[in-house]
Each structure stands twice: as structure tokens, then as C-alpha cells.
Amino acid sequence: MAVKIRLMRVGKRKQPTYRVVVADGRSPRDGRIIESIGKYGPRHEPSLIDIDGDKALDWLRKGAQPTEQVQKLLAAVGVWARYEEEKGGPIKTKLARRGVTPGTAPPAPKQRQSKKAAAAEAAPEPDPAATEPAAEEPAVEEQPAAESDEEASS
């Protein structure tokens, strides 16, 4: 039996609040649960996070896998850091594979670019010294050859 720590939605329509529950991974979102270990209210300012850390840590020790959102909540409360310390290092999870660690923001999603924008971004920028026009040298006034001959004969 795969045990998950996940959110169970409660509350009125368009006013969600959640319970943090331990449930069988095969049961529906709002279905049968094993134990309720906390609550999460995203509509409060700041968000309400009330999780029993001892119960959550106990279930993590037993092998329960948190969902991504619950893992973020556990990291905010500090339970996830205590669990990692006990295990002796970072746990490889979906968040860790994406480069998210407790206390850091997740990376921004990559946006599609047009082919022209991608090509322009990939092209190296020209050297500014090479694009500047060369300084013009002052022109040397030359005298016509006929005048120089006359001056030589005089």
C-alpha cells in the first residue's frame, strides 16, 4: 500500500481550505483517510499553515511520500529539514530534481520563443570596437607634379 501525505479539499465553493492528511495513494482526493495531521488555509493573509510536526515526521519515517505542495508546506514549517537531517542528506524527490530546495523559489517556467528570437539570442554579439568607424587621417595636400617641376628649374 502506497501511503501519501496530501491535501484534502474542504470548505465552500470558491473558498477552499485544505486538510493535510495521510491516505492510501489509490483513494480519491476527498475519500477515505488514515489520519489528519494538519490544515492549510491559502486564502488567509498570510497563509495559515498548521501542521503537527511530530505526526508528520512519524509518517515520513514510516515511508509516506508527500505530494509537491505538501512538501513545500512541510519545508515552510521546518519538518522537511528535520527529516533530511535524520536521513543524513537531501532526499531525491520531484522538487530536488527540479532544483528546488527548502527556502528557495522554484525556477521560472521556460517560455517558448520564436525561431528568430532564439537565433538572435544564440548569435554572439559583435565586438563594439570592430563596429566603430576607423578614425580618418588628415588628408595630405599634394601639389601637382607640374608645379614641382617649375620650382625645381627656377
Protein backbone atom coordinates (compact mmCIF):
# COMPACT_ATOMS: atom_id res chain seq x y z
CA MET A 1 0.00 0.00 0.00
CA ALA A 2 1.47 3.37 -1.12
CA VAL A 3 0.84 5.90 1.62
CA LYS A 4 0.74 9.58 0.63
CA ILE A 5 0.68 12.80 2.63
CA ARG A 6 -1.57 15.08 0.63
CA LEU A 7 -4.17 17.83 0.73
CA MET A 8 -7.89 17.14 1.09
CA ARG A 9 -10.13 19.98 -0.03
CA VAL A 10 -12.83 21.21 2.35
CA GLY A 11 -14.81 24.44 2.53
CA LYS A 12 -17.36 26.19 0.38
CA ARG A 13 -17.24 26.73 -3.35
CA LYS A 14 -14.57 29.29 -4.32
CA GLN A 15 -13.40 29.41 -0.69
CA PRO A 16 -11.03 26.46 -0.40
CA THR A 17 -9.34 25.31 2.75
CA TYR A 18 -7.42 22.08 2.96
CA ARG A 19 -6.63 19.40 5.47
CA VAL A 20 -3.20 17.80 5.39
CA VAL A 21 -3.97 14.10 5.55
CA VAL A 22 -2.28 10.73 5.34
CA ALA A 23 -4.14 8.48 2.91
CA ASP A 24 -3.71 5.49 0.62
CA GLY A 25 -2.42 6.70 -2.74
CA ARG A 26 -5.21 4.81 -4.54
CA SER A 27 -8.07 6.51 -2.68
CA PRO A 28 -9.75 9.62 -4.16
CA ARG A 29 -8.69 13.13 -3.12
CA ASP A 30 -11.57 13.66 -0.72
CA GLY A 31 -12.03 9.98 0.07
CA ARG A 32 -11.05 7.74 2.95
CA ILE A 33 -8.09 8.89 5.04
CA ILE A 34 -5.84 7.22 7.58
CA GLU A 35 -5.10 10.29 9.72
CA SER A 36 -5.45 14.06 9.57
CA ILE A 37 -2.20 15.82 10.59
CA GLY A 38 -2.93 19.48 9.92
CA LYS A 39 -4.67 22.17 7.92
CA TYR A 40 -3.77 24.75 5.28
CA GLY A 41 -5.69 27.95 4.52
CA PRO A 42 -4.35 29.67 1.39
CA ARG A 43 -6.97 32.45 1.47
CA HIS A 44 -5.75 33.91 4.77
CA GLU A 45 -3.19 36.70 4.75
CA PRO A 46 -0.57 35.34 5.44
CA SER A 47 -1.48 31.75 4.56
CA LEU A 48 -2.49 29.59 7.51
CA ILE A 49 -0.25 26.53 7.88
CA ASP A 50 -0.98 24.41 10.94
CA ILE A 51 0.73 21.00 10.75
CA ASP A 52 1.51 18.68 13.66
CA GLY A 53 5.25 18.28 13.07
CA ASP A 54 5.65 15.17 15.23
CA LYS A 55 2.91 13.27 13.42
CA ALA A 56 4.18 14.35 10.00
CA LEU A 57 7.74 13.34 10.88
CA ASP A 58 6.50 9.98 12.17
CA TRP A 59 4.69 9.27 8.90
CA LEU A 60 7.72 10.35 6.85
CA ARG A 61 9.86 7.92 8.85
CA LYS A 62 7.38 5.16 8.05
CA GLY A 63 7.78 5.84 4.32
CA ALA A 64 4.83 8.08 3.46
CA GLN A 65 5.52 10.18 0.36
CA PRO A 66 4.39 13.83 0.40
CA THR A 67 2.96 15.48 -2.70
CA GLU A 68 4.84 18.50 -4.07
CA GLN A 69 2.54 21.02 -2.40
CA VAL A 70 2.66 19.24 0.95
CA GLN A 71 6.45 19.04 0.71
CA LYS A 72 6.55 22.83 0.28
CA LEU A 73 4.31 23.23 3.33
CA LEU A 74 6.49 20.84 5.37
CA ALA A 75 9.57 22.83 4.33
CA ALA A 76 7.89 26.08 5.41
CA VAL A 77 7.09 24.62 8.84
CA GLY A 78 10.58 23.11 9.19
CA VAL A 79 9.58 19.43 9.32
CA TRP A 80 11.21 18.59 5.98
CA ALA A 81 14.61 19.93 7.13
CA ARG A 82 14.43 17.82 10.31
CA TYR A 83 13.56 14.76 8.22
CA GLU A 84 16.53 15.36 5.88
CA GLU A 85 18.90 15.73 8.85
CA GLU A 86 17.74 12.39 10.25
CA LYS A 87 18.24 10.68 6.91
CA GLY A 88 21.75 12.10 6.59
CA GLY A 89 21.34 14.10 3.42
CA PRO A 90 18.97 15.50 0.87
CA ILE A 91 16.19 13.26 -0.36
CA LYS A 92 15.81 12.89 -4.12
CA THR A 93 12.27 13.98 -4.88
CA LYS A 94 10.46 15.67 -7.70
CA LEU A 95 11.34 19.05 -6.20
CA ALA A 96 15.02 18.17 -5.79
CA ARG A 97 15.22 17.03 -9.40
CA ARG A 98 13.86 20.41 -10.45
CA GLY A 99 16.46 22.21 -8.37
CA VAL A 100 14.13 23.41 -5.61
CA THR A 101 15.47 23.25 -2.08
CA PRO A 102 13.73 24.40 1.09
CA GLY A 103 13.80 28.16 1.35
CA THR A 104 14.29 28.84 -2.35
CA ALA A 105 11.80 29.81 -5.01
CA PRO A 106 11.09 27.35 -7.77
CA PRO A 107 12.65 28.13 -11.14
CA ALA A 108 10.52 30.13 -13.55
CA PRO A 109 8.89 28.06 -16.28
CA LYS A 110 10.56 28.28 -19.66
CA GLN A 111 8.62 30.24 -22.23
CA ARG A 112 8.56 29.41 -25.90
CA GLN A 113 10.39 31.74 -28.21
CA SER A 114 10.08 32.26 -31.90
CA LYS A 115 12.84 30.82 -34.06
CA LYS A 116 14.09 34.30 -34.93
CA ALA A 117 14.31 35.34 -31.26
CA ALA A 118 16.13 32.13 -30.36
CA ALA A 119 18.59 32.60 -33.24
CA ALA A 120 19.22 36.22 -32.27
CA GLU A 121 19.80 35.20 -28.67
CA ALA A 122 22.19 32.40 -29.68
CA ALA A 123 24.23 34.60 -32.07
CA PRO A 124 27.31 36.14 -30.45
CA GLU A 125 27.19 39.90 -30.03
CA PRO A 126 29.54 41.83 -32.31
CA ASP A 127 32.61 43.46 -30.80
CA PRO A 128 31.87 47.18 -30.28
CA ALA A 129 35.45 48.16 -31.25
CA ALA A 130 35.11 46.38 -34.58
CA THR A 131 31.89 48.16 -35.48
CA GLU A 132 33.15 51.70 -34.79
CA PRO A 133 34.31 53.53 -37.91
CA ALA A 134 38.07 53.95 -38.12
CA ALA A 135 39.38 57.43 -37.31
CA GLU A 136 40.05 59.29 -40.52
CA GLU A 137 43.58 60.51 -41.04
CA PRO A 138 44.05 64.10 -42.15
CA ALA A 139 44.46 64.31 -45.90
CA VAL A 140 47.91 65.40 -47.09
CA GLU A 141 47.70 68.08 -49.70
CA GLU A 142 49.70 67.13 -52.70
CA GLN A 143 50.91 69.61 -55.17
CA PRO A 144 50.54 68.85 -58.82
CA ALA A 145 53.68 67.46 -60.42
CA ALA A 146 53.86 70.33 -62.96
CA GLU A 147 54.29 72.97 -60.28
CA SER A 148 57.01 71.00 -58.54
CA ASP A 149 58.97 70.87 -61.82
CA GLU A 150 58.76 74.63 -62.25
CA GLU A 151 60.00 75.22 -58.73
CA ALA A 152 62.94 72.92 -59.33
CA SER A 153 64.02 74.76 -62.53
CA SER A 154 63.83 78.25 -61.07
